[in-house]
Protein backbone atom coordinates (compact mmCIF):
# COMPACT_ATOMS: atom_id res chain seq x y z
CA MET A 1 15.52 5.69 -0.77
CA THR A 2 13.80 3.11 -2.96
CA LYS A 3 10.62 1.60 -1.50
CA LYS A 4 8.35 -1.20 -2.70
CA ILE A 5 4.77 -0.13 -3.48
CA LEU A 6 1.90 -2.41 -4.41
CA ILE A 7 -0.86 -0.89 -6.55
CA ILE A 8 -4.19 -2.73 -6.68
CA GLU A 9 -6.32 -1.07 -9.34
CA ASP A 10 -8.73 -2.56 -11.87
CA ASP A 11 -8.59 0.39 -14.29
CA GLU A 12 -5.66 -0.20 -16.66
CA GLU A 13 -5.01 3.52 -17.34
CA ASN A 14 -4.95 4.43 -13.65
CA LEU A 15 -2.73 1.45 -12.89
CA LYS A 16 -0.21 2.53 -15.52
CA LEU A 17 -0.37 6.17 -14.40
CA PHE A 18 0.26 5.41 -10.72
CA SER A 19 3.01 2.94 -11.53
CA THR A 20 4.77 5.35 -13.90
CA ILE A 21 4.67 8.21 -11.39
CA LEU A 22 5.97 6.05 -8.56
CA ARG A 23 8.75 4.48 -10.64
CA HIS A 24 9.76 7.94 -11.89
CA ASN A 25 10.12 8.92 -8.23
CA GLY A 26 12.52 6.05 -7.58
CA HIS A 27 10.22 3.35 -6.23
CA VAL A 28 9.70 -0.27 -7.25
CA THR A 29 6.09 -1.06 -8.08
CA PHE A 30 4.07 -4.25 -8.15
CA GLU A 31 0.72 -4.23 -9.92
CA ALA A 32 -2.47 -6.20 -9.45
CA LYS A 33 -5.72 -5.75 -11.36
CA ASN A 34 -7.91 -7.35 -8.70
CA GLY A 35 -8.04 -7.83 -4.96
CA MET A 36 -7.13 -11.51 -4.87
CA ASP A 37 -3.97 -10.99 -6.93
CA GLY A 38 -3.15 -7.97 -4.80
CA ILE A 39 -3.39 -9.93 -1.59
CA ARG A 40 -1.15 -12.67 -3.01
CA LEU A 41 1.45 -10.09 -4.08
CA ALA A 42 1.31 -8.40 -0.67
CA MET A 43 2.05 -11.71 1.06
CA VAL A 44 4.99 -12.51 -1.23
CA GLU A 45 6.59 -9.07 -1.74
CA LYS A 46 5.89 -7.43 1.65
CA PRO A 47 5.70 -3.92 0.15
CA ASN A 48 6.37 -0.78 2.17
CA LEU A 49 3.03 0.71 1.06
CA ILE A 50 -0.15 -0.50 -0.63
CA LEU A 51 -2.50 1.58 -2.78
CA VAL A 52 -5.91 -0.05 -3.33
CA ASP A 53 -8.90 1.05 -5.36
CA VAL A 54 -11.99 1.10 -3.18
CA HIS A 55 -14.47 0.27 -5.96
CA MET A 56 -13.46 -2.94 -7.75
CA PRO A 57 -15.57 -5.86 -8.90
CA VAL A 58 -15.37 -9.22 -7.11
CA MET A 59 -13.40 -7.90 -4.11
CA ASN A 60 -13.51 -4.21 -3.17
CA GLY A 61 -10.81 -2.26 -1.38
CA PHE A 62 -12.44 -2.62 2.03
CA GLU A 63 -12.37 -6.41 1.70
CA VAL A 64 -8.73 -6.31 0.58
CA LEU A 65 -7.86 -4.08 3.54
CA LYS A 66 -9.59 -6.42 6.00
CA ILE A 67 -7.59 -9.43 4.78
CA ILE A 68 -4.25 -7.57 4.63
CA LYS A 69 -4.74 -6.23 8.17
CA SER A 70 -5.69 -9.69 9.46
CA LYS A 71 -2.36 -11.29 8.46
CA PRO A 72 0.61 -10.94 10.85
CA SER A 73 3.05 -10.52 7.95
CA THR A 74 1.16 -7.59 6.36
CA LYS A 75 -0.87 -5.98 9.15
CA ASN A 76 1.61 -3.13 9.69
CA ILE A 77 1.84 -2.09 6.02
CA PRO A 78 0.09 1.26 5.47
CA VAL A 79 -2.79 0.94 3.00
CA ILE A 80 -4.02 3.99 1.11
CA ALA A 81 -7.50 3.98 -0.44
CA LEU A 82 -7.92 5.14 -4.04
CA SER A 83 -11.37 6.55 -4.76
CA ALA A 84 -13.12 8.67 -7.37
CA TYR A 85 -15.62 9.78 -4.74
CA PRO A 86 -14.16 12.15 -2.12
CA LEU A 87 -17.08 11.85 0.29
CA SER A 88 -17.97 8.22 -0.34
CA GLY A 89 -17.38 5.15 1.77
CA ALA A 90 -13.63 5.51 1.24
CA ARG A 91 -13.59 8.44 3.64
CA LYS A 92 -15.60 6.43 6.18
CA GLY A 93 -12.99 3.67 5.99
CA PHE A 94 -10.17 5.54 7.66
CA PRO A 95 -8.61 5.97 10.13
CA ASP A 96 -10.95 3.77 12.19
CA GLY A 97 -11.47 1.36 9.29
CA GLY A 98 -7.74 0.84 8.83
CA PHE A 99 -6.89 2.93 5.76
CA ALA A 100 -3.88 5.15 6.43
CA ASP A 101 -5.19 7.79 4.01
CA CYS A 102 -7.24 8.35 0.86
CA VAL A 103 -6.25 9.56 -2.62
CA VAL A 104 -9.07 11.07 -4.64
CA LYS A 105 -9.01 10.39 -8.39
CA PRO A 106 -8.27 12.13 -10.62
CA ILE A 107 -5.08 12.89 -8.75
CA ILE A 108 -3.22 16.15 -8.41
CA LEU A 109 0.37 15.10 -9.10
CA LYS A 110 2.20 17.11 -6.40
CA GLU A 111 -0.35 16.18 -3.74
CA PHE A 112 -0.21 12.51 -4.73
CA ILE A 113 3.59 12.41 -4.47
CA ARG A 114 3.56 14.30 -1.16
CA LEU A 115 1.00 11.90 0.33
CA ILE A 116 2.91 8.82 -0.82
CA GLU A 117 6.21 10.11 0.56
CA LYS A 118 4.51 10.98 3.88
CA HIS A 119 3.51 7.35 4.36
CA LEU A 120 6.92 5.99 3.35
CA LEU A 121 8.84 7.78 6.11
């Protein structure tokens, strides 16, 4: 079943990679290169899942998560943290902080797909 996934990632290569993988697996993707654009897209598109890079300039993933979870129209959308640091603040952000899960970059393709599908059930 096709689902809508929002990817908020400031690294162009990672953004293209995640989007390509998800589209290849039958999903519709929306892309934002910063937190503010990501929040706007989340409000308009109401995706089934949001992937957000934890370490971005201007507005980091924790700030994006806080805003998304504060809005009635988006508070129930699962948000997955994307982080290059497996033991960094990204891990501290969930589940108590509101992240549904964390993907460590660089990704392992099969694990990435399995984790995404788990949160789309």
